[in-house]
Amino acid sequence: MIYESDNCLYLRNGNELLEVKPWGENSFRVRSTKYATYTGVNNALSEAVPDNIATVTVNENQKQGEITNGQLTARIDMYKNLSFYNQKGEVLLKGFQRNRIDDMSAGVDAEKVNHFNSALNIDSREFKPILGGDFELKVRFESDPDEKLFGMGQYQQDFLNLKNAKLELAHRNSQASVPFLISSKGYGFLWNNPAIGDVSFAKNVTEWHSLSTKEMDYWITCGDTPSTIEEQYADVTGKVPMMPDFAMGYWQCKLRYRTQEELLNAAREFKKRKLPISVIVIDYFHWPKSGEYTFDKKYWPNPEEMIQELHEMGIKLMVSVWPTVDETSSHYKEMVEKGYLVQTERGVPITMNFLGNNGFVDFTNPDAGSF
């Protein structure tokens, strides 16, 4: 059943409820759940958005519906598949499904709606129940082999076009996963789901995969230029504040400055050679022990004096702070008692063996961040 409610387009498909909601200029937020209600969590869509007035049309006889918000139109066809079009009527993105469904018996010509009548039994939205009550989720889209895709954060790879790539949706040391992309076809897509998973931009199908989640949630926008798409993305996720002048200059960092004198000599040499420098970085092992949050006096005897000299040279100092807390450090016991460390399922909350047994600070806890 396809219907309109509160300026949104809905599909009720058994125990699945799919919602297409205007969310910013030329944009939709798309959610699907098999629970009674949505979670109500906005995740990356943190900014308040204006009340966009969309045009909704539902054809009850053909069991079809469409919704238009500015230049972007979303359509649900009689096969319960969802697709998106720009203001020229060009397909931007279309759900990938290969199945036989009941509506095939209605005598409708499948070719007229570009439907694949297939025995593969593959749906564009696949919810697989897992222990604990959540779902493993796969969302599939038709692939355009000529499409170019850009974005997705920072991965250790030497190519910009992500077409034919497979990416892990997870953060690692030196990997920042930001699941937003811009397509050469003129749309932007945000996978608005913090779950661990992966995405494959293959020639034959695009597939987003979450290992454990409660609902499907993504955001799509379109525009004539990449800058327009980026502006619309920033409108709903938040805009980056302007950095101070010093932070936009040259930062000097290496792995690693071991002593106070070594760092100062490097800074002095920059000034002696009249090379531009705004920030210099002290990386790890400047501490006597993980979790002490202080300088090892053997190698950094007078930090205050060091910082003063750097500031007189017009150089700011950045100190790298790790989330590791050694179980023999002075703060460990207090942090455990107050629930500031990432917990393990059983036993002592040791999450890293690195020159000692370490716990990780739980920075999702605001009290831990304040501490």
Protein backbone atom coordinates (compact mmCIF):
# COMPACT_ATOMS: atom_id res chain seq x y z
CA MET A 1 0.00 0.00 0.00
CA ILE A 2 1.34 3.42 -1.03
CA TYR A 3 -0.03 6.54 0.61
CA GLU A 4 0.66 10.17 1.51
CA SER A 5 0.71 11.55 5.05
CA ASP A 6 2.08 14.81 6.49
CA ASN A 7 3.77 15.78 3.23
CA CYS A 8 5.62 12.44 3.04
CA LEU A 9 5.33 9.38 0.81
CA TYR A 10 4.92 5.98 2.47
CA LEU A 11 5.02 2.35 1.41
CA ARG A 12 3.46 -0.25 3.69
CA ASN A 13 4.84 -3.60 2.55
CA GLY A 14 3.79 -6.21 5.09
CA ASN A 15 5.73 -5.45 8.26
CA GLU A 16 8.00 -2.98 6.46
CA LEU A 17 7.24 0.75 6.59
CA LEU A 18 9.20 2.89 4.09
CA GLU A 19 9.14 6.68 4.42
CA VAL A 20 10.36 9.28 1.89
CA LYS A 21 10.48 12.64 3.64
CA PRO A 22 11.54 16.10 2.36
CA TRP A 23 14.71 16.98 4.26
CA GLY A 24 16.37 20.16 3.06
CA GLU A 25 16.48 21.72 -0.41
CA ASN A 26 16.20 19.25 -3.32
CA SER A 27 16.62 16.43 -0.81
CA PHE A 28 14.92 13.46 0.84
CA ARG A 29 15.54 11.40 3.92
CA VAL A 30 14.57 7.77 3.33
CA ARG A 31 13.89 5.40 6.21
CA SER A 32 12.60 1.88 6.39
CA THR A 33 11.86 -0.21 9.47
CA LYS A 34 10.31 -3.48 10.47
CA TYR A 35 9.67 -2.25 14.00
CA ALA A 36 6.44 -0.53 14.99
CA THR A 37 8.11 2.91 14.94
CA TYR A 38 11.30 4.58 13.78
CA THR A 39 14.09 5.10 16.30
CA GLY A 40 13.72 8.89 16.19
CA VAL A 41 17.53 9.30 16.06
CA ASN A 42 18.80 11.74 13.42
CA ASN A 43 22.44 10.56 13.47
CA ALA A 44 24.41 12.78 11.04
CA LEU A 45 21.33 14.86 10.12
CA SER A 46 21.91 17.02 13.16
CA GLU A 47 20.75 20.41 11.85
CA ALA A 48 17.19 21.69 11.91
CA VAL A 49 15.84 21.88 8.36
CA PRO A 50 13.13 24.14 6.92
CA ASP A 51 9.65 22.81 6.30
CA ASN A 52 10.00 21.96 2.64
CA ILE A 53 6.68 21.68 0.85
CA ALA A 54 6.70 18.66 -1.44
CA THR A 55 4.28 17.58 -4.14
CA VAL A 56 2.92 14.09 -3.53
CA THR A 57 0.95 12.04 -6.06
CA VAL A 58 -0.45 8.56 -5.39
CA ASN A 59 -2.03 6.33 -8.03
CA GLU A 60 -3.95 3.81 -5.96
CA ASN A 61 -5.06 1.69 -8.92
CA GLN A 62 -1.54 1.18 -10.23
CA LYS A 63 -0.13 1.13 -6.69
CA GLN A 64 2.42 3.79 -7.52
CA GLY A 65 3.41 7.05 -5.90
CA GLU A 66 5.86 9.89 -6.31
CA ILE A 67 7.05 12.88 -4.32
CA THR A 68 8.89 15.95 -5.61
CA ASN A 69 11.00 18.33 -3.53
CA GLY A 70 12.54 21.04 -5.71
CA GLN A 71 14.67 19.37 -8.39
CA LEU A 72 14.48 15.87 -6.89
CA THR A 73 11.67 13.35 -7.43
CA ALA A 74 11.32 9.96 -5.72
CA ARG A 75 9.04 7.28 -7.17
CA ILE A 76 7.76 4.03 -5.72
CA ASP A 77 6.58 1.67 -8.45
CA MET A 78 4.12 -1.19 -8.33
CA TYR A 79 6.98 -3.56 -7.58
CA LYS A 80 7.75 -1.70 -4.34
CA ASN A 81 11.00 -0.43 -5.80
CA LEU A 82 12.25 3.11 -5.16
CA SER A 83 14.01 5.34 -7.67
CA PHE A 84 15.14 8.98 -7.87
CA TYR A 85 15.06 11.45 -10.77
CA ASN A 86 16.33 14.97 -11.39
CA GLN A 87 14.31 17.87 -12.79
CA LYS A 88 15.02 16.64 -16.35
CA GLY A 89 13.45 13.26 -15.61
CA GLU A 90 16.84 11.52 -15.72
CA VAL A 91 17.38 8.55 -13.41
CA LEU A 92 19.87 9.33 -10.68
CA LEU A 93 19.52 6.21 -8.57
CA LYS A 94 17.24 3.17 -8.73
CA GLY A 95 16.81 0.25 -6.39
CA PHE A 96 18.35 -3.04 -7.56
CA GLN A 97 16.00 -5.99 -7.31
CA ARG A 98 15.73 -9.25 -9.21
CA ASN A 99 12.61 -11.12 -8.16
CA ARG A 100 9.14 -12.35 -8.99
CA ILE A 101 6.41 -10.68 -6.98
CA ASP A 102 2.64 -10.98 -6.76
CA ASP A 103 1.92 -7.92 -8.89
CA MET A 104 3.36 -9.69 -11.94
CA SER A 105 0.03 -11.52 -12.18
CA ALA A 106 -1.81 -8.21 -12.68
CA GLY A 107 -1.12 -8.25 -16.40
CA VAL A 108 1.18 -5.20 -16.34
CA ASP A 109 3.99 -5.05 -18.88
CA ALA A 110 7.12 -5.20 -16.75
CA GLU A 111 9.30 -3.67 -19.45
CA LYS A 112 7.35 -0.41 -19.29
CA VAL A 113 8.55 0.17 -15.74
CA ASN A 114 12.00 -1.36 -16.33
CA HIS A 115 11.33 -4.26 -13.97
CA PHE A 116 13.40 -7.43 -14.03
CA ASN A 117 11.29 -10.55 -13.70
CA SER A 118 13.94 -12.82 -12.24
CA ALA A 119 14.22 -16.03 -10.25
CA LEU A 120 17.19 -14.67 -8.26
CA ASN A 121 14.92 -13.41 -5.48
CA ILE A 122 17.11 -10.40 -4.63
CA ASP A 123 15.45 -7.36 -3.04
CA SER A 124 16.67 -3.78 -3.03
CA ARG A 125 16.12 -3.66 0.75
CA GLU A 126 17.07 -6.80 2.65
CA PHE A 127 16.49 -7.06 6.41
CA LYS A 128 17.96 -10.21 7.97
CA PRO A 129 17.03 -10.73 11.66
CA ILE A 130 19.93 -11.35 14.02
CA LEU A 131 20.15 -12.36 17.67
CA GLY A 132 19.32 -9.47 19.97
CA GLY A 133 16.46 -8.11 17.90
CA ASP A 134 18.31 -6.00 15.34
CA PHE A 135 18.85 -6.64 11.64
CA GLU A 136 21.69 -7.16 9.22
CA LEU A 137 20.83 -4.75 6.42
CA LYS A 138 21.71 -4.64 2.73
CA VAL A 139 20.48 -1.86 0.43
CA ARG A 140 21.13 -2.27 -3.28
CA PHE A 141 21.04 0.14 -6.22
CA GLU A 142 21.41 -0.32 -9.96
CA SER A 143 24.97 0.44 -11.04
CA ASP A 144 25.92 2.77 -13.89
CA PRO A 145 29.34 1.56 -15.14
CA ASP A 146 30.16 5.04 -16.48
CA GLU A 147 29.36 6.84 -13.22
CA LYS A 148 32.17 8.42 -11.20
CA LEU A 149 31.93 8.56 -7.39
CA PHE A 150 33.91 10.77 -5.03
CA GLY A 151 34.12 11.24 -1.27
CA MET A 152 33.57 8.74 1.56
CA GLY A 153 36.24 10.16 3.88
CA GLN A 154 39.90 9.13 4.04
CA TYR A 155 41.09 5.68 3.02
CA GLN A 156 44.59 4.40 2.28
CA GLN A 157 44.32 4.31 -1.49
CA ASP A 158 45.74 6.30 -4.39
CA PHE A 159 42.62 6.92 -6.49
CA LEU A 160 39.86 9.51 -6.31
CA ASN A 161 37.14 7.81 -8.37
CA LEU A 162 35.62 5.14 -6.12
CA LYS A 163 33.79 3.27 -8.87
CA ASN A 164 34.56 -0.47 -8.67
CA ALA A 165 35.91 -0.06 -5.12
CA LYS A 166 34.82 -1.80 -1.94
CA LEU A 167 35.19 0.18 1.29
CA GLU A 168 34.91 -0.79 4.93
CA LEU A 169 32.45 1.38 6.86
CA ALA A 170 34.51 1.68 10.04
CA HIS A 171 37.14 3.90 11.59
CA ARG A 172 40.71 2.70 12.01
CA ASN A 173 44.04 4.28 12.79
CA SER A 174 44.59 6.47 9.66
CA GLN A 175 41.14 5.61 8.22
CA ALA A 176 38.23 8.02 8.59
CA SER A 177 34.99 6.62 7.20
CA VAL A 178 32.55 9.40 6.22
CA PRO A 179 29.80 7.69 4.20
CA PHE A 180 28.88 10.63 1.96
CA LEU A 181 29.57 10.61 -1.76
CA ILE A 182 29.06 12.87 -4.76
CA SER A 183 28.19 11.32 -8.12
CA SER A 184 29.10 12.58 -11.59
CA LYS A 185 25.39 12.10 -12.38
CA GLY A 186 24.55 15.08 -10.16
CA TYR A 187 23.48 13.68 -6.80
CA GLY A 188 24.87 13.34 -3.30
CA PHE A 189 24.20 10.35 -1.03
CA LEU A 190 24.67 9.98 2.73
CA TRP A 191 24.45 6.55 4.36
CA ASN A 192 22.97 7.85 7.61
CA ASN A 193 23.73 4.79 9.68
CA PRO A 194 26.58 4.54 12.24
CA ALA A 195 26.72 0.75 12.10
CA ILE A 196 29.89 -1.15 11.17
CA GLY A 197 29.67 -2.56 7.65
CA ASP A 198 30.90 -1.99 4.10
CA VAL A 199 29.89 -0.61 0.72
CA SER A 200 30.62 -2.00 -2.73
CA PHE A 201 30.46 0.23 -5.82
CA ALA A 202 30.66 -2.66 -8.29
CA LYS A 203 29.95 -2.56 -12.03
CA ASN A 204 26.84 -4.69 -11.66
CA VAL A 205 25.39 -3.40 -8.38
CA THR A 206 25.99 -0.86 -5.60
CA GLU A 207 25.45 -2.43 -2.16
CA TRP A 208 25.45 -0.75 1.27
CA HIS A 209 25.78 -3.21 4.15
CA SER A 210 25.31 -2.76 7.91
CA LEU A 211 26.12 -5.68 10.19
CA SER A 212 23.66 -4.67 12.92
CA THR A 213 21.06 -1.92 12.81
CA LYS A 214 17.46 -1.17 13.72
CA GLU A 215 16.41 0.59 10.51
CA MET A 216 17.44 1.72 7.07
CA ASP A 217 18.31 5.41 6.92
CA TYR A 218 19.87 7.40 4.09
CA TRP A 219 19.71 10.94 2.67
CA ILE A 220 19.86 11.91 -0.99
CA THR A 221 20.15 15.29 -2.69
CA CYS A 222 20.71 16.58 -6.22
CA GLY A 223 22.18 19.68 -7.80
CA ASP A 224 23.69 21.07 -10.99
CA THR A 225 27.19 21.42 -9.49
CA PRO A 226 29.23 19.64 -6.81
CA SER A 227 29.35 22.87 -4.77
CA THR A 228 25.54 23.02 -4.73
CA ILE A 229 25.37 19.41 -3.52
CA GLU A 230 27.99 20.10 -0.82
CA GLU A 231 26.09 23.20 0.37
CA GLN A 232 22.87 21.19 0.70
CA TYR A 233 24.76 18.46 2.56
CA ALA A 234 26.24 21.02 4.96
CA ASP A 235 22.78 22.55 5.53
CA VAL A 236 21.53 19.30 7.07
CA THR A 237 24.67 17.93 8.73
CA GLY A 238 26.31 21.13 10.00
CA LYS A 239 28.83 23.63 8.68
CA VAL A 240 32.50 23.60 9.58
CA PRO A 241 33.51 26.66 11.63
CA MET A 242 36.32 28.81 10.32
CA MET A 243 39.66 27.77 11.82
CA PRO A 244 41.90 30.40 13.46
CA ASP A 245 44.62 31.86 11.25
CA PHE A 246 47.45 29.90 12.89
CA ALA A 247 45.73 26.60 12.20
CA MET A 248 45.60 27.31 8.44
CA GLY A 249 49.39 27.64 8.17
CA TYR A 250 52.07 24.94 7.95
CA TRP A 251 52.09 22.25 10.63
CA GLN A 252 55.38 20.47 11.40
CA CYS A 253 55.06 16.93 12.73
CA LYS A 254 57.19 13.78 12.74
CA LEU A 255 57.21 10.38 14.37
CA ARG A 256 58.49 11.56 16.76
CA TYR A 257 60.23 14.33 18.72
CA ARG A 258 61.71 12.46 21.69
CA THR A 259 62.98 15.38 23.78
CA GLN A 260 62.29 19.01 24.51
CA GLU A 261 65.63 20.08 23.02
CA GLU A 262 65.08 18.10 19.81
CA LEU A 263 61.74 19.85 19.23
CA LEU A 264 63.11 23.32 20.03
CA ASN A 265 66.09 22.83 17.71
CA ALA A 266 63.72 21.97 14.86
CA ALA A 267 61.59 25.06 15.56
CA ARG A 268 64.67 27.31 15.77
CA GLU A 269 65.97 25.95 12.46
CA PHE A 270 62.67 26.81 10.76
CA LYS A 271 63.02 30.38 11.95
CA LYS A 272 66.73 30.53 11.09
CA ARG A 273 65.95 29.51 7.49
CA LYS A 274 62.92 31.81 7.38
CA LEU A 275 60.61 28.92 6.55
CA PRO A 276 56.90 29.41 7.33
CA ILE A 277 55.62 27.41 10.29
CA SER A 278 52.45 27.85 12.37
CA VAL A 279 52.19 24.71 14.50
CA ILE A 280 54.59 22.05 15.75
CA VAL A 281 53.34 18.73 17.14
CA ILE A 282 54.51 16.57 20.04
CA ASP A 283 53.35 13.02 19.34
CA TYR A 284 53.09 9.96 21.58
CA PHE A 285 55.50 8.72 24.26
CA HIS A 286 56.03 12.20 25.63
CA TRP A 287 54.30 10.85 28.76
CA PRO A 288 55.84 8.71 31.51
CA LYS A 289 52.93 6.26 31.19
CA SER A 290 49.74 6.04 29.13
CA GLY A 291 46.92 7.87 30.86
CA GLU A 292 49.06 10.22 32.96
CA TYR A 293 48.43 13.24 30.67
CA THR A 294 51.73 14.89 31.59
CA PHE A 295 55.25 15.20 30.21
CA ASP A 296 58.04 12.81 31.19
CA LYS A 297 60.35 15.17 33.09
CA LYS A 298 63.42 13.17 32.10
CA TYR A 299 62.96 14.19 28.47
CA TRP A 300 60.73 17.26 28.80
CA PRO A 301 62.13 19.01 31.89
CA ASN A 302 60.41 22.39 31.52
CA PRO A 303 57.33 22.37 29.24
CA GLU A 304 56.22 25.86 30.32
CA GLU A 305 59.55 27.36 29.31
CA MET A 306 59.46 25.44 26.02
CA ILE A 307 55.96 26.68 25.18
CA GLN A 308 56.92 30.26 25.98
CA GLU A 309 59.87 30.12 23.57
CA LEU A 310 57.68 28.61 20.84
CA HIS A 311 55.07 31.35 21.30
CA GLU A 312 57.78 34.02 21.11
CA MET A 313 58.73 32.55 17.73
CA GLY A 314 55.07 32.70 16.65
CA ILE A 315 54.61 28.93 16.78
CA LYS A 316 51.69 27.16 18.47
CA LEU A 317 52.17 23.77 20.12
CA MET A 318 49.89 20.78 19.63
CA VAL A 319 50.16 17.78 21.93
CA SER A 320 48.81 14.40 20.79
CA VAL A 321 46.61 12.85 23.48
CA TRP A 322 45.89 9.14 23.22
CA PRO A 323 42.77 7.40 24.59
CA THR A 324 44.86 4.67 26.26
CA VAL A 325 45.00 4.44 30.05
CA ASP A 326 47.54 2.03 31.58
CA GLU A 327 46.08 -0.04 34.42
CA THR A 328 49.04 0.99 36.61
CA SER A 329 48.58 4.73 35.93
CA SER A 330 47.35 7.09 38.63
CA HIS A 331 43.98 7.73 36.94
CA TYR A 332 43.01 4.18 35.96
CA LYS A 333 41.18 3.11 39.12
CA GLU A 334 39.14 6.31 39.31
CA MET A 335 38.20 6.13 35.63
CA VAL A 336 37.07 2.52 35.96
CA GLU A 337 34.93 3.29 39.00
CA LYS A 338 33.26 6.24 37.28
CA GLY A 339 32.58 4.29 34.07
CA TYR A 340 34.87 6.39 31.89
CA LEU A 341 36.50 3.46 30.08
CA VAL A 342 35.21 1.33 27.23
CA GLN A 343 33.85 -1.84 28.78
CA THR A 344 34.55 -5.44 27.89
CA GLU A 345 31.86 -8.10 27.94
CA ARG A 346 33.56 -9.94 30.80
CA GLY A 347 36.50 -9.41 33.11
CA VAL A 348 38.88 -6.46 33.39
CA PRO A 349 38.25 -3.71 30.81
CA ILE A 350 41.60 -4.09 29.06
CA THR A 351 41.16 -3.24 25.39
CA MET A 352 44.77 -2.82 24.21
CA ASN A 353 48.06 -4.48 25.06
CA PHE A 354 50.63 -1.80 24.25
CA LEU A 355 53.67 -1.52 26.52
CA GLY A 356 51.32 -2.58 29.32
CA ASN A 357 47.64 -3.33 29.80
CA ASN A 358 45.50 -0.40 28.66
CA GLY A 359 41.88 0.60 28.69
CA PHE A 360 40.35 3.07 26.22
CA VAL A 361 38.61 6.25 27.31
CA ASP A 362 34.92 6.12 26.32
CA PHE A 363 34.62 9.48 24.59
CA THR A 364 30.95 8.80 23.82
CA ASN A 365 30.46 9.52 27.54
CA PRO A 366 30.37 13.34 28.01
CA ASP A 367 31.58 12.98 31.60
CA ALA A 368 34.65 11.09 30.39
CA GLY A 369 35.38 13.87 27.90
CA SER A 370 35.12 16.49 30.64
CA PHE A 371 37.42 14.46 32.89
